[in-house]
Protein backbone atom coordinates (compact mmCIF):
# COMPACT_ATOMS: atom_id res chain seq x y z
CA MET A 1 55.04 100.11 87.72
CA LEU A 2 55.34 96.97 89.86
CA ALA A 3 56.44 97.36 93.45
CA PRO A 4 60.21 96.76 93.82
CA LYS A 5 61.23 93.36 95.14
CA ASN A 6 64.44 94.66 96.70
CA GLN A 7 66.68 97.72 96.98
CA ALA A 8 68.30 97.09 93.59
CA ASP A 9 64.87 97.16 91.94
CA GLY A 10 64.16 100.35 93.85
CA LEU A 11 67.28 101.96 92.42
CA ARG A 12 66.29 101.02 88.88
CA ASN A 13 62.74 102.31 89.37
CA ALA A 14 64.08 105.57 90.78
CA THR A 15 66.30 105.96 87.72
CA ILE A 16 63.35 105.49 85.33
CA SER A 17 61.16 107.92 87.31
CA THR A 18 63.89 110.56 87.44
CA SER A 19 64.69 110.28 83.73
CA ASN A 20 61.05 110.89 82.82
CA GLN A 21 60.73 113.86 85.18
CA PHE A 22 63.61 115.96 83.82
CA LYS A 23 63.26 115.71 80.06
CA ASN A 24 62.48 119.42 79.70
CA LYS A 25 65.10 120.75 82.10
CA LYS A 26 68.06 122.79 80.84
CA ALA A 27 71.50 121.26 80.34
CA LEU A 28 74.27 121.76 82.90
CA ARG A 29 77.87 120.77 83.46
CA CYS A 30 78.56 118.12 86.08
CA ILE A 31 81.99 117.33 87.53
CA ALA A 32 83.16 114.76 90.08
CA ILE A 33 86.36 115.83 91.87
CA ALA A 34 88.32 112.95 93.39
CA SER A 35 91.82 111.92 94.50
CA GLY A 36 93.69 108.69 95.02
CA LYS A 37 94.66 109.64 98.57
CA GLY A 38 93.95 112.26 101.19
CA GLY A 39 96.05 115.31 101.90
CA VAL A 40 96.42 116.48 98.28
CA GLY A 41 94.14 119.53 98.54
CA LYS A 42 91.14 118.01 96.77
CA THR A 43 88.51 119.94 98.71
CA PHE A 44 90.57 123.12 98.39
CA VAL A 45 90.50 122.65 94.61
CA SER A 46 86.75 121.84 94.68
CA VAL A 47 85.78 124.89 96.72
CA ASN A 48 87.96 127.40 94.91
CA THR A 49 87.24 126.04 91.43
CA ALA A 50 83.55 126.37 92.26
CA ILE A 51 84.13 130.01 93.21
CA ALA A 52 86.13 130.59 90.02
CA LEU A 53 83.26 129.12 87.98
CA ALA A 54 80.79 131.38 89.80
CA SER A 55 82.97 134.40 88.98
CA LEU A 56 82.38 133.58 85.30
CA GLY A 57 78.67 134.12 85.78
CA ASN A 58 77.64 130.54 86.54
CA LYS A 59 75.20 129.42 89.18
CA VAL A 60 77.12 126.67 91.02
CA LEU A 61 75.96 123.92 93.38
CA LEU A 62 78.75 122.03 95.18
CA ILE A 63 77.72 118.76 96.83
CA ASP A 64 79.98 117.54 99.63
CA ALA A 65 80.12 113.89 98.60
CA ASP A 66 82.92 113.05 101.03
CA LEU A 67 80.28 111.29 103.07
CA GLY A 68 81.59 110.92 106.60
CA LEU A 69 84.62 113.24 106.38
CA ALA A 70 82.98 116.43 105.16
CA ASN A 71 85.21 119.51 104.82
CA VAL A 72 83.50 121.85 102.35
CA ASP A 73 81.74 123.68 105.18
CA ILE A 74 85.07 124.29 106.92
CA LEU A 75 86.74 125.82 103.87
CA MET A 76 83.64 127.93 103.26
CA GLY A 77 83.65 129.15 106.88
CA LYS A 78 80.14 127.82 107.50
CA ASN A 79 78.50 125.80 110.28
CA PRO A 80 75.57 124.03 108.59
CA GLU A 81 72.50 123.45 110.71
CA PHE A 82 71.39 120.48 108.59
CA THR A 83 72.97 117.86 106.32
CA LEU A 84 71.84 115.44 103.63
CA GLN A 85 70.99 112.98 106.37
CA ASP A 86 68.33 115.37 107.66
CA ALA A 87 66.64 115.26 104.26
CA ILE A 88 66.68 111.47 104.21
CA PHE A 89 65.57 110.74 107.77
CA HIS A 90 64.09 113.91 109.25
CA GLY A 91 61.92 115.34 106.49
CA LYS A 92 64.01 118.41 105.69
CA SER A 93 63.84 119.61 102.09
CA ILE A 94 66.95 119.98 99.93
CA GLU A 95 66.22 123.71 99.81
CA GLU A 96 66.34 123.90 103.63
CA ILE A 97 69.69 122.09 103.73
CA VAL A 98 71.60 123.92 101.00
CA CYS A 99 73.97 126.57 102.38
CA LYS A 100 74.35 129.91 100.65
CA THR A 101 77.75 131.60 100.68
CA ASP A 102 79.14 135.06 99.98
CA TYR A 103 81.14 133.70 97.06
CA GLY A 104 78.35 132.93 94.58
CA VAL A 105 78.42 129.21 95.37
CA ASP A 106 75.75 127.15 97.13
CA PHE A 107 76.74 123.85 98.75
CA LEU A 108 74.98 120.79 100.11
CA PRO A 109 76.63 119.60 103.35
CA ALA A 110 77.39 115.92 103.77
CA SER A 111 75.97 113.68 106.45
CA SER A 112 78.14 111.93 109.02
CA GLY A 113 77.07 108.44 107.98
CA GLU A 114 75.18 105.78 109.86
CA ARG A 115 74.15 102.18 109.34
CA GLN A 116 70.62 103.51 109.11
CA MET A 117 71.43 104.44 105.52
CA LEU A 118 71.35 100.78 104.60
CA ASN A 119 67.66 100.58 105.46
CA ILE A 120 66.33 103.36 103.24
CA GLY A 121 63.22 102.21 101.39
CA SER A 122 63.08 102.43 97.59
CA ALA A 123 60.25 104.99 97.70
CA ARG A 124 62.33 107.29 99.91
CA LEU A 125 65.35 106.82 97.62
CA ASN A 126 63.18 107.83 94.69
CA ASN A 127 61.96 110.96 96.46
CA ILE A 128 65.47 112.06 97.51
CA VAL A 129 67.08 111.69 94.09
CA ASN A 130 64.13 113.40 92.38
CA GLU A 131 64.23 116.31 94.80
CA LEU A 132 68.01 116.65 94.59
CA LEU A 133 68.12 116.66 90.80
CA SER A 134 65.08 118.90 90.55
CA TYR A 135 66.86 121.42 92.75
CA ALA A 136 70.16 121.02 90.87
CA ALA A 137 68.44 121.54 87.52
CA ASP A 138 68.22 125.27 88.22
CA TYR A 139 72.04 125.54 88.31
CA ASP A 140 74.62 125.82 85.54
CA ILE A 141 77.28 123.74 87.28
CA LEU A 142 76.87 120.71 89.57
CA MET A 143 80.01 119.53 91.38
CA PHE A 144 80.64 116.50 93.61
CA ASP A 145 83.52 116.80 96.06
CA CYS A 146 84.15 113.06 96.46
CA GLY A 147 86.03 111.29 99.22
CA ALA A 148 89.68 110.29 98.87
CA GLY A 149 90.75 106.85 97.69
CA ILE A 150 88.88 104.10 95.87
CA ASN A 151 85.61 102.96 97.39
CA GLN A 152 82.05 102.47 96.16
CA SER A 153 80.97 105.97 97.11
CA VAL A 154 83.80 107.56 95.10
CA THR A 155 83.42 105.31 92.06
CA SER A 156 79.63 105.78 92.09
CA PHE A 157 79.87 109.57 91.94
CA ILE A 158 82.52 109.29 89.19
CA ALA A 159 80.11 107.11 87.23
CA ALA A 160 77.33 109.64 87.77
CA ALA A 161 79.26 112.67 86.48
CA PRO A 162 80.04 113.20 82.77
CA GLN A 163 83.38 114.80 83.72
CA THR A 164 85.96 113.63 86.29
CA LEU A 165 88.75 115.71 87.79
CA VAL A 166 91.51 113.88 89.68
CA VAL A 167 93.68 115.95 92.02
CA MET A 168 97.23 114.84 92.84
CA THR A 169 100.51 116.24 94.10
CA MET A 170 104.07 115.45 93.09
CA GLU A 171 104.53 112.89 95.86
CA PRO A 172 105.09 109.34 94.53
CA THR A 173 102.32 107.94 96.75
CA SER A 174 99.86 110.52 95.44
CA ILE A 175 100.80 109.78 91.82
CA MET A 176 100.50 106.01 92.25
CA ASP A 177 97.17 106.24 94.08
CA ALA A 178 95.78 108.67 91.51
CA TYR A 179 96.82 106.30 88.73
CA ALA A 180 95.11 103.42 90.57
CA LEU A 181 91.90 105.46 90.77
CA MET A 182 92.06 106.32 87.07
CA LYS A 183 92.77 102.68 86.24
CA VAL A 184 89.61 101.59 88.05
CA ALA A 185 87.61 104.35 86.35
CA LYS A 186 88.81 103.24 82.93
CA GLN A 187 88.65 99.48 83.40
CA ASP A 188 85.18 99.61 84.97
CA LYS A 189 84.06 102.07 82.29
CA LEU A 190 83.01 104.63 84.89
CA SER A 191 84.25 107.62 82.91
CA ASP A 192 85.78 108.40 79.54
CA ASN A 193 86.44 112.04 80.43
CA ILE A 194 89.24 112.06 83.01
CA ASN A 195 91.14 115.25 83.75
CA VAL A 196 94.11 115.86 86.02
CA VAL A 197 94.93 118.80 88.28
CA LEU A 198 98.44 118.85 89.74
CA ASN A 199 98.44 120.68 93.07
CA MET A 200 101.19 122.19 95.24
CA VAL A 201 103.71 122.03 92.39
CA ARG A 202 107.11 123.66 92.84
CA SER A 203 107.63 124.29 89.10
CA ASP A 204 105.59 123.96 85.92
CA GLU A 205 108.43 121.98 84.33
CA GLN A 206 108.23 119.41 87.10
CA GLY A 207 104.48 119.17 86.73
CA GLN A 208 104.59 118.81 82.96
CA LYS A 209 107.20 116.06 83.24
CA ILE A 210 105.14 114.08 85.76
CA PHE A 211 102.00 114.42 83.64
CA LYS A 212 103.84 113.34 80.50
CA ASN A 213 105.08 110.17 82.23
CA LEU A 214 101.62 109.46 83.64
CA THR A 215 100.03 109.91 80.23
CA GLN A 216 102.51 107.52 78.63
CA ILE A 217 101.82 104.85 81.26
CA SER A 218 98.09 105.31 80.73
CA LYS A 219 98.44 104.90 76.96
CA ASN A 220 100.62 101.80 77.33
CA TYR A 221 98.61 99.95 79.97
CA LEU A 222 95.09 101.40 79.81
CA CYS A 223 94.99 102.24 76.09
CA SER A 224 93.63 105.65 76.97
CA SER A 225 94.74 109.22 77.51
CA MET A 226 93.84 111.97 79.96
CA ASN A 227 93.76 115.75 79.95
CA LEU A 228 95.86 118.12 82.04
CA LEU A 229 93.33 120.65 83.31
CA GLY A 230 95.81 122.71 85.24
CA ILE A 231 98.92 123.05 87.43
CA ILE A 232 98.50 124.85 90.74
CA PRO A 233 101.76 126.13 92.28
CA TYR A 234 102.66 125.71 95.93
CA SER A 235 101.83 128.79 98.01
CA PRO A 236 101.96 129.34 101.79
CA LEU A 237 98.86 131.52 101.35
CA VAL A 238 96.81 128.37 100.70
CA HIS A 239 97.68 126.99 104.13
CA LYS A 240 96.86 130.36 105.68
CA ALA A 241 93.46 130.40 103.97
CA VAL A 242 92.64 126.88 105.21
CA LEU A 243 93.60 127.79 108.79
CA SER A 244 91.41 130.88 108.50
CA ARG A 245 88.47 128.79 107.26
CA LYS A 246 88.24 130.92 104.14
CA PRO A 247 88.47 130.20 100.41
CA LEU A 248 91.66 131.43 98.80
CA PHE A 249 89.65 133.91 96.72
CA ALA A 250 88.55 135.66 99.92
CA MET A 251 92.19 136.44 100.71
CA ASP A 252 93.78 136.85 97.29
CA ASP A 253 91.81 136.77 94.04
CA LYS A 254 94.59 138.10 91.83
CA GLY A 255 97.62 135.99 92.81
CA GLU A 256 99.15 133.15 90.81
CA VAL A 257 97.13 130.38 92.48
CA ALA A 258 93.86 132.25 91.90
CA GLN A 259 94.76 132.82 88.25
CA ARG A 260 95.49 129.12 87.74
CA LEU A 261 92.15 128.20 89.31
CA LYS A 262 90.40 130.61 86.95
CA GLN A 263 92.15 128.90 84.01
CA ILE A 264 90.89 125.53 85.24
CA ALA A 265 87.37 126.99 85.44
CA LEU A 266 87.59 128.22 81.86
CA ARG A 267 88.69 124.78 80.65
CA ILE A 268 85.79 123.16 82.50
CA MET A 269 83.48 125.54 80.66
CA GLY A 270 84.89 124.19 77.41
CA ASP A 271 83.34 120.79 78.16
CA HIS A 272 79.85 120.09 76.89
CA ALA A 273 76.79 120.41 79.11
CA VAL A 274 74.32 117.56 79.47
CA SER A 275 70.65 117.29 80.30
CA ILE A 276 69.61 116.05 83.74
CA ASP A 277 67.87 113.07 82.18
CA GLU A 278 71.25 111.90 80.81
CA PHE A 279 72.72 111.59 84.31
CA ASN A 280 73.47 108.16 85.75
CA THR A 281 71.02 108.63 88.61
CA GLU A 282 71.42 105.05 89.79
CA ALA A 283 75.08 105.84 90.42
CA ILE A 284 74.14 108.92 92.47
CA LEU A 285 71.87 106.77 94.60
CA LYS A 286 74.62 104.19 95.11
CA GLY A 287 76.98 106.98 96.11
CA ILE A 288 74.55 108.21 98.76
CA MET A 289 73.97 104.66 99.95
CA SER A 290 77.68 103.97 100.40
CA ILE A 291 78.11 106.08 103.50
């Protein structure tokens, strides 16, 4: 293979190398969890859905892809010694960085983000993505907890994952921003498997009505539909769990919110698994680069 002329060539070469390396690896499910705006409980949904998936017997790896505003470690009650940045710049292996938890979920902490990211050589990019996917290939579920809003990092991870989950609340700003995110995902052909989770809902009837209206708008203006993966009711226990730096399941694994999260996990399991070599690895690289 010819030496890359620039970073774009490096990304393409890394994609080819990765695709060849993982042809014999098992299939897994991969989900990007995003939101149109902050404050909707996206990371809460990511962490606790991951735990619900693990309770079904899955080996789960959650990647904190909110690069720069990482919160997965907080909700897991962990203080990571290393982050993804340590793998890129300080020679740490992915295995050294991944945090184990008591909940059956492993997670990869995010880096804080520096301009230094812009100067990563193509060979190093190749090594990082190969190592990350090689490590992830031993799991059943790979999840990206993306940042809030619409930026290149978020859209890149959405493009990388075969399944997208968009979290929103009943607030008008949350609904409009979530629709804007889904519009970009559809128009830019980033994903054809978009699912919605309505969080902090006061009543199922209210949630169903909002989703019905959103679906109709999507059909009229985007010529596409979306799936309702679940409705999570409002509960003061969620706020208590966050303040305690614990997943909800550590405080109440039988309540209504926990049961809804388990239903979401079961519906995720209904989606097809894909082989690592089918992943859009160039999109993963762009997501990492967009810190």
